[in-house]
């Protein structure tokens, strides 16, 4: 990705500015989101903080990105976000990586739990394997994890959970 790809284009900023003046349904982004995007305009991808990217997607899709009570996102939500053409791809990637690795989010990934789309509507279910992977990720993020000792145990847990599914 080039430096120009990682920045919001001047055309996008001009479009945002014109949308700010035009009331009605053509206004693609909330005012707060436009302000955040303008602040990030000339910053390289590596300077975009996790919290800034998450704040931006929370403003645009509040039903899907509730930090205090997160719900599992549908598989492929990143494609839906990209198709909306509201944010640069790197911001979507940063926000999703940060949100889906939060302890609260991982705790909600339970087998059979309802996944949601960007509007907060049901869009599938969490599979057993996904729930096990979330448990493993939670465990490896904890202070109790010792990588050298637990690698074998985690592989055994994963195998057992997959075998139960069949």
N, C-alpha and C. Protein backbone atom coordinates (compact mmCIF):
# COMPACT_ATOMS: atom_id res chain seq x y z
N UNK A 1 0.84 -1.17 0.00
CA UNK A 1 0.00 0.00 0.00
C UNK A 1 0.89 1.23 0.00
N UNK A 2 0.64 2.17 -0.89
CA UNK A 2 1.44 3.38 -0.96
C UNK A 2 0.96 4.39 0.06
N UNK A 3 1.77 5.42 0.28
CA UNK A 3 1.40 6.46 1.24
C UNK A 3 0.11 7.15 0.81
N UNK A 4 -0.05 7.31 -0.51
CA UNK A 4 -1.26 7.96 -1.01
C UNK A 4 -2.49 7.11 -0.77
N UNK A 5 -2.35 5.78 -0.87
CA UNK A 5 -3.48 4.89 -0.61
C UNK A 5 -3.92 4.95 0.84
N UNK A 6 -2.96 5.17 1.74
CA UNK A 6 -3.28 5.14 3.16
C UNK A 6 -3.86 6.45 3.66
N UNK A 7 -3.92 7.45 2.83
CA UNK A 7 -4.49 8.74 3.21
C UNK A 7 -5.86 8.90 2.57
N UNK A 8 -6.67 9.68 3.18
CA UNK A 8 -7.98 9.97 2.61
C UNK A 8 -7.75 10.95 1.47
N UNK A 9 -8.31 10.66 0.33
CA UNK A 9 -8.07 11.50 -0.84
C UNK A 9 -8.67 12.88 -0.68
N UNK A 10 -8.08 13.85 -1.39
CA UNK A 10 -8.61 15.21 -1.38
C UNK A 10 -10.04 15.23 -1.90
N UNK A 11 -10.31 14.36 -2.86
CA UNK A 11 -11.66 14.27 -3.42
C UNK A 11 -12.66 13.85 -2.33
N UNK A 12 -12.27 12.90 -1.48
CA UNK A 12 -13.15 12.44 -0.41
C UNK A 12 -13.41 13.57 0.58
N UNK A 13 -12.37 14.36 0.89
CA UNK A 13 -12.53 15.49 1.81
C UNK A 13 -13.46 16.53 1.20
N UNK A 14 -13.30 16.80 -0.10
CA UNK A 14 -14.19 17.76 -0.76
C UNK A 14 -15.62 17.25 -0.76
N UNK A 15 -15.79 15.95 -0.99
CA UNK A 15 -17.12 15.36 -0.97
C UNK A 15 -17.73 15.50 0.43
N UNK A 16 -16.93 15.25 1.45
CA UNK A 16 -17.42 15.38 2.82
C UNK A 16 -17.82 16.83 3.11
N UNK A 17 -17.01 17.76 2.65
CA UNK A 17 -17.32 19.17 2.87
C UNK A 17 -18.62 19.57 2.17
N UNK A 18 -18.81 19.10 0.94
CA UNK A 18 -20.04 19.44 0.22
C UNK A 18 -21.25 18.78 0.86
N UNK A 19 -21.07 17.57 1.39
CA UNK A 19 -22.17 16.87 2.05
C UNK A 19 -22.54 17.56 3.35
N UNK A 20 -21.56 18.20 3.98
CA UNK A 20 -21.81 18.90 5.23
C UNK A 20 -22.76 20.06 5.00
N UNK A 21 -22.66 20.69 3.83
CA UNK A 21 -23.51 21.82 3.50
C UNK A 21 -24.88 21.39 2.98
N UNK A 22 -24.95 20.17 2.46
CA UNK A 22 -26.19 19.70 1.86
C UNK A 22 -26.98 18.85 2.86
N UNK A 23 -28.07 19.41 3.41
CA UNK A 23 -28.86 18.63 4.35
C UNK A 23 -29.64 17.53 3.65
N UNK A 24 -30.04 16.54 4.42
CA UNK A 24 -30.89 15.50 3.85
C UNK A 24 -30.22 14.16 3.78
N UNK A 25 -30.84 13.22 3.04
CA UNK A 25 -30.36 11.85 3.01
C UNK A 25 -29.02 11.66 2.32
N UNK A 26 -28.54 12.63 1.54
CA UNK A 26 -27.25 12.49 0.85
C UNK A 26 -26.08 12.66 1.78
N UNK A 27 -26.33 13.09 2.98
CA UNK A 27 -25.25 13.28 3.94
C UNK A 27 -24.76 11.90 4.39
N UNK A 28 -23.63 11.47 3.85
CA UNK A 28 -23.16 10.09 4.06
C UNK A 28 -22.67 9.84 5.47
N UNK A 29 -22.01 10.80 6.08
CA UNK A 29 -21.41 10.60 7.40
C UNK A 29 -21.92 11.61 8.41
N UNK A 30 -22.04 11.19 9.66
CA UNK A 30 -22.39 12.15 10.71
C UNK A 30 -21.29 13.20 10.85
N UNK A 31 -21.66 14.34 11.39
CA UNK A 31 -20.73 15.45 11.55
C UNK A 31 -19.48 15.04 12.35
N UNK A 32 -19.68 14.28 13.42
CA UNK A 32 -18.56 13.83 14.24
C UNK A 32 -17.58 12.97 13.44
N UNK A 33 -18.11 12.11 12.58
CA UNK A 33 -17.26 11.25 11.75
C UNK A 33 -16.46 12.09 10.76
N UNK A 34 -17.10 13.09 10.18
CA UNK A 34 -16.37 13.97 9.24
C UNK A 34 -15.23 14.69 9.94
N UNK A 35 -15.46 15.12 11.18
CA UNK A 35 -14.40 15.81 11.93
C UNK A 35 -13.22 14.87 12.19
N UNK A 36 -13.52 13.64 12.59
CA UNK A 36 -12.45 12.67 12.85
C UNK A 36 -11.67 12.39 11.57
N UNK A 37 -12.38 12.20 10.46
CA UNK A 37 -11.71 11.95 9.18
C UNK A 37 -10.83 13.11 8.75
N UNK A 38 -11.29 14.32 8.98
CA UNK A 38 -10.48 15.49 8.63
C UNK A 38 -9.20 15.53 9.46
N UNK A 39 -9.30 15.16 10.75
CA UNK A 39 -8.10 15.11 11.60
C UNK A 39 -7.11 14.06 11.10
N UNK A 40 -7.63 12.97 10.55
CA UNK A 40 -6.77 11.87 10.09
C UNK A 40 -6.28 12.05 8.66
N UNK A 41 -6.76 13.07 7.98
CA UNK A 41 -6.51 13.25 6.54
C UNK A 41 -5.06 13.13 6.13
N UNK A 42 -4.16 13.85 6.76
CA UNK A 42 -2.76 13.86 6.33
C UNK A 42 -1.86 12.94 7.15
N UNK A 43 -2.46 12.07 7.94
CA UNK A 43 -1.65 11.17 8.76
C UNK A 43 -1.47 9.83 8.07
N UNK A 44 -0.26 9.29 8.12
CA UNK A 44 -0.04 7.96 7.53
C UNK A 44 -0.78 6.89 8.33
N UNK A 45 -0.98 5.77 7.69
CA UNK A 45 -1.71 4.65 8.29
C UNK A 45 -1.14 4.25 9.64
N UNK A 46 0.18 4.25 9.76
CA UNK A 46 0.82 3.82 11.00
C UNK A 46 0.55 4.77 12.16
N UNK A 47 0.11 5.97 11.90
CA UNK A 47 -0.17 6.94 12.96
C UNK A 47 -1.63 6.95 13.41
N UNK A 48 -2.47 6.15 12.78
CA UNK A 48 -3.87 6.08 13.18
C UNK A 48 -3.97 5.15 14.39
N UNK A 49 -4.44 5.69 15.49
CA UNK A 49 -4.54 4.91 16.72
C UNK A 49 -5.78 4.02 16.69
N UNK A 50 -5.69 2.90 17.41
CA UNK A 50 -6.82 1.98 17.51
C UNK A 50 -8.08 2.70 17.98
N UNK A 51 -7.94 3.52 19.00
CA UNK A 51 -9.10 4.19 19.58
C UNK A 51 -9.74 5.16 18.59
N UNK A 52 -8.92 5.82 17.77
CA UNK A 52 -9.48 6.74 16.76
C UNK A 52 -10.27 5.98 15.71
N UNK A 53 -9.71 4.89 15.24
CA UNK A 53 -10.40 4.08 14.22
C UNK A 53 -11.70 3.50 14.78
N UNK A 54 -11.65 3.00 16.01
CA UNK A 54 -12.86 2.44 16.62
C UNK A 54 -13.90 3.52 16.85
N UNK A 55 -13.49 4.67 17.30
CA UNK A 55 -14.44 5.78 17.52
C UNK A 55 -15.15 6.12 16.22
N UNK A 56 -14.43 6.13 15.13
CA UNK A 56 -14.99 6.45 13.82
C UNK A 56 -16.06 5.44 13.41
N UNK A 57 -15.77 4.16 13.52
CA UNK A 57 -16.78 3.16 13.13
C UNK A 57 -17.95 3.15 14.11
N UNK A 58 -17.70 3.47 15.39
CA UNK A 58 -18.79 3.54 16.36
C UNK A 58 -19.75 4.67 16.04
N UNK A 59 -19.22 5.77 15.53
CA UNK A 59 -20.08 6.90 15.16
C UNK A 59 -20.92 6.54 13.94
N UNK A 60 -20.33 5.86 12.98
CA UNK A 60 -21.02 5.53 11.74
C UNK A 60 -21.99 4.36 11.92
N UNK A 61 -21.58 3.33 12.66
CA UNK A 61 -22.42 2.13 12.86
C UNK A 61 -22.60 1.85 14.35
N UNK A 62 -23.33 2.69 15.06
CA UNK A 62 -23.46 2.51 16.51
C UNK A 62 -24.15 1.22 16.93
N UNK A 63 -25.04 0.70 16.12
CA UNK A 63 -25.75 -0.53 16.48
C UNK A 63 -24.83 -1.75 16.48
N UNK A 64 -23.80 -1.72 15.67
CA UNK A 64 -22.89 -2.86 15.56
C UNK A 64 -21.69 -2.76 16.50
N UNK A 65 -21.28 -1.56 16.84
CA UNK A 65 -20.04 -1.38 17.61
C UNK A 65 -20.32 -0.76 18.98
N UNK A 66 -21.01 -1.52 19.81
CA UNK A 66 -21.30 -1.10 21.18
C UNK A 66 -20.19 -1.66 22.06
N UNK A 67 -19.34 -0.80 22.57
CA UNK A 67 -18.18 -1.25 23.33
C UNK A 67 -18.58 -1.78 24.71
N UNK A 68 -19.59 -1.20 25.33
CA UNK A 68 -19.97 -1.64 26.67
C UNK A 68 -20.72 -2.98 26.65
N UNK A 69 -21.42 -3.28 25.57
CA UNK A 69 -22.13 -4.55 25.45
C UNK A 69 -21.99 -5.06 24.01
N UNK A 70 -20.77 -5.48 23.63
CA UNK A 70 -20.56 -5.92 22.24
C UNK A 70 -21.30 -7.21 21.92
N UNK A 71 -21.66 -7.35 20.65
CA UNK A 71 -22.28 -8.59 20.18
C UNK A 71 -21.44 -9.09 19.00
N UNK A 72 -21.42 -10.40 18.79
CA UNK A 72 -20.61 -10.94 17.69
C UNK A 72 -21.04 -10.34 16.34
N UNK A 73 -20.06 -9.92 15.57
CA UNK A 73 -20.32 -9.37 14.24
C UNK A 73 -20.45 -10.50 13.23
N UNK A 74 -21.22 -10.25 12.19
CA UNK A 74 -21.41 -11.28 11.16
C UNK A 74 -20.10 -11.54 10.44
N UNK A 75 -19.98 -12.73 9.91
CA UNK A 75 -18.81 -13.09 9.12
C UNK A 75 -18.85 -12.25 7.83
N UNK A 76 -17.75 -11.63 7.50
CA UNK A 76 -17.67 -10.81 6.29
C UNK A 76 -18.14 -9.38 6.48
N UNK A 77 -18.27 -8.93 7.73
CA UNK A 77 -18.74 -7.56 7.98
C UNK A 77 -17.76 -6.54 7.38
N UNK A 78 -16.48 -6.91 7.28
CA UNK A 78 -15.49 -6.00 6.69
C UNK A 78 -15.81 -5.69 5.23
N UNK A 79 -16.36 -6.67 4.52
CA UNK A 79 -16.74 -6.44 3.12
C UNK A 79 -17.91 -5.47 3.03
N UNK A 80 -18.87 -5.64 3.92
CA UNK A 80 -20.03 -4.75 3.97
C UNK A 80 -19.59 -3.31 4.29
N UNK A 81 -18.63 -3.18 5.20
CA UNK A 81 -18.12 -1.85 5.56
C UNK A 81 -17.39 -1.22 4.37
N UNK A 82 -16.60 -2.02 3.67
CA UNK A 82 -15.87 -1.51 2.51
C UNK A 82 -16.82 -1.11 1.39
N UNK A 83 -17.87 -1.91 1.18
CA UNK A 83 -18.84 -1.61 0.13
C UNK A 83 -19.61 -0.33 0.41
N UNK A 84 -19.74 0.04 1.67
CA UNK A 84 -20.41 1.30 2.02
C UNK A 84 -19.59 2.49 1.53
N UNK A 85 -18.30 2.27 1.29
CA UNK A 85 -17.40 3.28 0.75
C UNK A 85 -17.40 4.57 1.58
N UNK A 86 -17.43 4.41 2.89
CA UNK A 86 -17.42 5.57 3.78
C UNK A 86 -16.06 5.81 4.43
N UNK A 87 -15.27 4.75 4.53
CA UNK A 87 -13.98 4.85 5.21
C UNK A 87 -12.88 4.17 4.41
N UNK A 88 -11.64 4.63 4.57
CA UNK A 88 -10.52 3.94 3.93
C UNK A 88 -10.37 2.54 4.51
N UNK A 89 -9.88 1.63 3.72
CA UNK A 89 -9.74 0.23 4.11
C UNK A 89 -8.87 0.05 5.36
N UNK A 90 -7.81 0.84 5.48
CA UNK A 90 -6.93 0.66 6.64
C UNK A 90 -7.61 1.05 7.95
N UNK A 91 -8.50 2.00 7.92
CA UNK A 91 -9.22 2.38 9.14
C UNK A 91 -10.20 1.28 9.54
N UNK A 92 -10.86 0.70 8.56
CA UNK A 92 -11.77 -0.42 8.82
C UNK A 92 -10.99 -1.57 9.44
N UNK A 93 -9.85 -1.87 8.88
CA UNK A 93 -9.02 -2.97 9.37
C UNK A 93 -8.56 -2.73 10.81
N UNK A 94 -8.07 -1.54 11.10
CA UNK A 94 -7.60 -1.20 12.44
C UNK A 94 -8.74 -1.31 13.45
N UNK A 95 -9.89 -0.74 13.11
CA UNK A 95 -11.04 -0.74 14.02
C UNK A 95 -11.53 -2.16 14.30
N UNK A 96 -11.66 -2.97 13.26
CA UNK A 96 -12.14 -4.34 13.44
C UNK A 96 -11.17 -5.17 14.27
N UNK A 97 -9.88 -5.04 13.98
CA UNK A 97 -8.88 -5.79 14.73
C UNK A 97 -8.93 -5.43 16.21
N UNK A 98 -9.07 -4.15 16.49
CA UNK A 98 -9.11 -3.68 17.87
C UNK A 98 -10.40 -4.13 18.57
N UNK A 99 -11.54 -3.95 17.92
CA UNK A 99 -12.84 -4.29 18.51
C UNK A 99 -12.97 -5.78 18.76
N UNK A 100 -12.58 -6.59 17.78
CA UNK A 100 -12.77 -8.04 17.91
C UNK A 100 -11.73 -8.71 18.80
N UNK A 101 -10.73 -7.98 19.24
CA UNK A 101 -9.76 -8.57 20.17
C UNK A 101 -10.01 -8.10 21.61
N UNK A 102 -11.02 -7.25 21.80
CA UNK A 102 -11.36 -6.80 23.15
C UNK A 102 -11.89 -7.97 23.97
N UNK A 103 -11.54 -8.00 25.24
CA UNK A 103 -11.96 -9.08 26.13
C UNK A 103 -13.49 -9.20 26.17
N UNK A 104 -14.19 -8.07 26.26
CA UNK A 104 -15.66 -8.10 26.31
C UNK A 104 -16.25 -8.74 25.06
N UNK A 105 -15.67 -8.42 23.91
CA UNK A 105 -16.17 -8.99 22.66
C UNK A 105 -15.92 -10.50 22.63
N UNK A 106 -14.71 -10.91 22.95
CA UNK A 106 -14.37 -12.33 22.92
C UNK A 106 -15.22 -13.14 23.89
N UNK A 107 -15.59 -12.56 25.01
CA UNK A 107 -16.45 -13.25 25.97
C UNK A 107 -17.85 -13.51 25.42
N UNK A 108 -18.28 -12.73 24.45
CA UNK A 108 -19.61 -12.89 23.86
C UNK A 108 -19.64 -13.93 22.74
N UNK A 109 -18.47 -14.38 22.31
CA UNK A 109 -18.40 -15.37 21.24
C UNK A 109 -18.63 -16.75 21.85
N UNK A 110 -19.87 -17.15 21.92
CA UNK A 110 -20.28 -18.44 22.46
C UNK A 110 -21.02 -19.21 21.38
N UNK A 111 -20.86 -20.51 21.37
CA UNK A 111 -21.51 -21.34 20.37
C UNK A 111 -23.02 -21.10 20.36
N UNK A 112 -23.55 -20.78 19.18
CA UNK A 112 -24.98 -20.54 19.02
C UNK A 112 -25.40 -19.09 19.21
N UNK A 113 -24.50 -18.23 19.68
CA UNK A 113 -24.84 -16.82 19.87
C UNK A 113 -25.17 -16.17 18.53
N UNK A 114 -26.08 -15.21 18.54
CA UNK A 114 -26.49 -14.53 17.32
C UNK A 114 -25.45 -13.50 16.90
N UNK A 115 -25.08 -13.54 15.64
CA UNK A 115 -24.21 -12.53 15.06
C UNK A 115 -25.08 -11.40 14.52
N UNK A 116 -24.50 -10.20 14.42
CA UNK A 116 -25.27 -9.06 13.91
C UNK A 116 -24.57 -8.40 12.72
N UNK A 117 -25.36 -7.71 11.90
CA UNK A 117 -24.81 -6.94 10.79
C UNK A 117 -24.58 -5.50 11.26
N UNK A 118 -24.26 -4.61 10.35
CA UNK A 118 -23.95 -3.23 10.70
C UNK A 118 -25.14 -2.47 11.27
N UNK A 119 -26.35 -2.93 10.97
CA UNK A 119 -27.55 -2.28 11.48
C UNK A 119 -28.00 -2.88 12.82
N UNK A 120 -27.28 -3.87 13.32
CA UNK A 120 -27.62 -4.50 14.58
C UNK A 120 -28.65 -5.61 14.47
N UNK A 121 -28.95 -6.03 13.25
CA UNK A 121 -29.94 -7.09 13.02
C UNK A 121 -29.24 -8.45 12.95
N UNK A 122 -29.98 -9.49 13.30
CA UNK A 122 -29.44 -10.85 13.29
C UNK A 122 -28.90 -11.22 11.91
N UNK A 123 -27.72 -11.84 11.92
CA UNK A 123 -27.08 -12.22 10.66
C UNK A 123 -26.20 -13.45 10.86
N UNK A 124 -26.80 -14.52 11.33
CA UNK A 124 -26.06 -15.76 11.50
C UNK A 124 -25.81 -16.11 12.95
N UNK A 125 -25.15 -17.23 13.14
CA UNK A 125 -24.85 -17.76 14.47
C UNK A 125 -23.37 -18.06 14.60
N UNK A 126 -22.88 -18.01 15.83
CA UNK A 126 -21.50 -18.37 16.12
C UNK A 126 -21.40 -19.89 16.12
N UNK A 127 -20.41 -20.41 15.42
CA UNK A 127 -20.17 -21.85 15.36
C UNK A 127 -19.27 -22.27 16.53
N UNK A 128 -19.30 -23.55 16.84
CA UNK A 128 -18.52 -24.09 17.94
C UNK A 128 -17.03 -23.79 17.77
N UNK A 129 -16.52 -23.98 16.59
CA UNK A 129 -15.09 -23.74 16.35
C UNK A 129 -14.73 -22.27 16.61
N UNK A 130 -15.59 -21.35 16.20
CA UNK A 130 -15.33 -19.92 16.43
C UNK A 130 -15.34 -19.61 17.92
N UNK A 131 -16.25 -20.25 18.66
CA UNK A 131 -16.32 -20.05 20.11
C UNK A 131 -15.06 -20.58 20.79
N UNK A 132 -14.59 -21.73 20.35
CA UNK A 132 -13.37 -22.31 20.92
C UNK A 132 -12.17 -21.41 20.60
N UNK A 133 -12.10 -20.92 19.38
CA UNK A 133 -11.00 -20.02 19.01
C UNK A 133 -11.01 -18.75 19.87
N UNK A 134 -12.20 -18.23 20.15
CA UNK A 134 -12.32 -17.04 21.00
C UNK A 134 -11.85 -17.35 22.42
N UNK A 135 -12.21 -18.51 22.94
CA UNK A 135 -11.76 -18.92 24.28
C UNK A 135 -10.24 -19.04 24.32
N UNK A 136 -9.67 -19.60 23.28
CA UNK A 136 -8.22 -19.74 23.22
C UNK A 136 -7.56 -18.37 23.17
N UNK A 137 -8.11 -17.48 22.38
CA UNK A 137 -7.55 -16.13 22.29
C UNK A 137 -7.65 -15.41 23.63
N UNK A 138 -8.78 -15.55 24.30
CA UNK A 138 -8.94 -14.96 25.63
C UNK A 138 -7.88 -15.50 26.59
N UNK A 139 -7.69 -16.79 26.55
CA UNK A 139 -6.72 -17.42 27.44
C UNK A 139 -5.30 -16.95 27.13
N UNK A 140 -4.97 -16.88 25.85
CA UNK A 140 -3.60 -16.47 25.50
C UNK A 140 -3.35 -15.00 25.80
N UNK A 141 -4.41 -14.20 25.90
CA UNK A 141 -4.25 -12.79 26.26
C UNK A 141 -4.15 -12.60 27.77
N UNK A 142 -4.50 -13.62 28.53
CA UNK A 142 -4.51 -13.50 29.99
C UNK A 142 -3.09 -13.57 30.56
N UNK A 143 -2.96 -13.13 31.79
CA UNK A 143 -1.66 -13.15 32.48
C UNK A 143 -1.22 -14.57 32.80
N UNK A 144 -2.16 -15.50 32.84
CA UNK A 144 -1.84 -16.87 33.23
C UNK A 144 -1.19 -17.69 32.10
N UNK A 145 -1.19 -17.14 30.91
CA UNK A 145 -0.70 -17.89 29.75
C UNK A 145 0.83 -17.94 29.74
N UNK A 146 1.36 -19.15 29.61
CA UNK A 146 2.80 -19.36 29.45
C UNK A 146 2.97 -20.10 28.13
N UNK A 147 3.42 -19.42 27.08
CA UNK A 147 3.42 -19.99 25.73
C UNK A 147 4.09 -21.35 25.60
N UNK A 148 5.21 -21.57 26.22
CA UNK A 148 5.92 -22.83 26.01
C UNK A 148 5.17 -24.02 26.58
N UNK A 149 4.51 -23.86 27.71
CA UNK A 149 3.82 -24.95 28.36
C UNK A 149 2.46 -25.22 27.73
N UNK A 150 1.78 -24.21 27.28
CA UNK A 150 0.38 -24.34 26.89
C UNK A 150 0.13 -24.59 25.41
N UNK A 151 1.14 -24.52 24.60
CA UNK A 151 0.94 -24.72 23.16
C UNK A 151 0.32 -26.09 22.87
N UNK A 152 0.82 -27.13 23.48
CA UNK A 152 0.32 -28.48 23.27
C UNK A 152 -1.10 -28.61 23.80
N UNK A 153 -1.36 -28.07 24.98
CA UNK A 153 -2.69 -28.16 25.58
C UNK A 153 -3.72 -27.47 24.69
N UNK A 154 -3.40 -26.30 24.17
CA UNK A 154 -4.33 -25.58 23.30
C UNK A 154 -4.62 -26.38 22.05
N UNK A 155 -3.62 -27.00 21.46
CA UNK A 155 -3.86 -27.82 20.27
C UNK A 155 -4.78 -28.99 20.59
N UNK A 156 -4.63 -29.60 21.75
CA UNK A 156 -5.50 -30.70 22.15
C UNK A 156 -6.93 -30.22 22.35
N UNK A 157 -7.10 -29.07 22.96
CA UNK A 157 -8.45 -28.51 23.17
C UNK A 157 -9.12 -28.26 21.84
N UNK A 158 -8.39 -27.70 20.91
CA UNK A 158 -8.94 -27.41 19.59
C UNK A 158 -9.37 -28.70 18.90
N UNK A 159 -8.54 -29.72 18.96
CA UNK A 159 -8.88 -31.00 18.35
C UNK A 159 -10.12 -31.63 18.99
N UNK A 160 -10.18 -31.59 20.30
CA UNK A 160 -11.34 -32.14 21.00
C UNK A 160 -12.61 -31.40 20.64
N UNK A 161 -12.54 -30.08 20.54
CA UNK A 161 -13.76 -29.32 20.23
C UNK A 161 -14.23 -29.57 18.81
N UNK A 162 -13.32 -29.71 17.89
CA UNK A 162 -13.70 -29.99 16.50
C UNK A 162 -14.30 -31.38 16.40
N UNK A 163 -13.73 -32.34 17.13
CA UNK A 163 -14.27 -33.70 17.11
C UNK A 163 -15.66 -33.76 17.70
N UNK A 164 -15.98 -32.95 18.70
CA UNK A 164 -17.31 -32.93 19.29
C UNK A 164 -18.35 -32.43 18.31
N UNK A 165 -17.95 -31.56 17.42
CA UNK A 165 -18.88 -30.93 16.49
C UNK A 165 -19.43 -31.95 15.49
N UNK A 166 -18.66 -32.94 15.13
CA UNK A 166 -19.11 -33.91 14.12
C UNK A 166 -19.98 -34.98 14.69
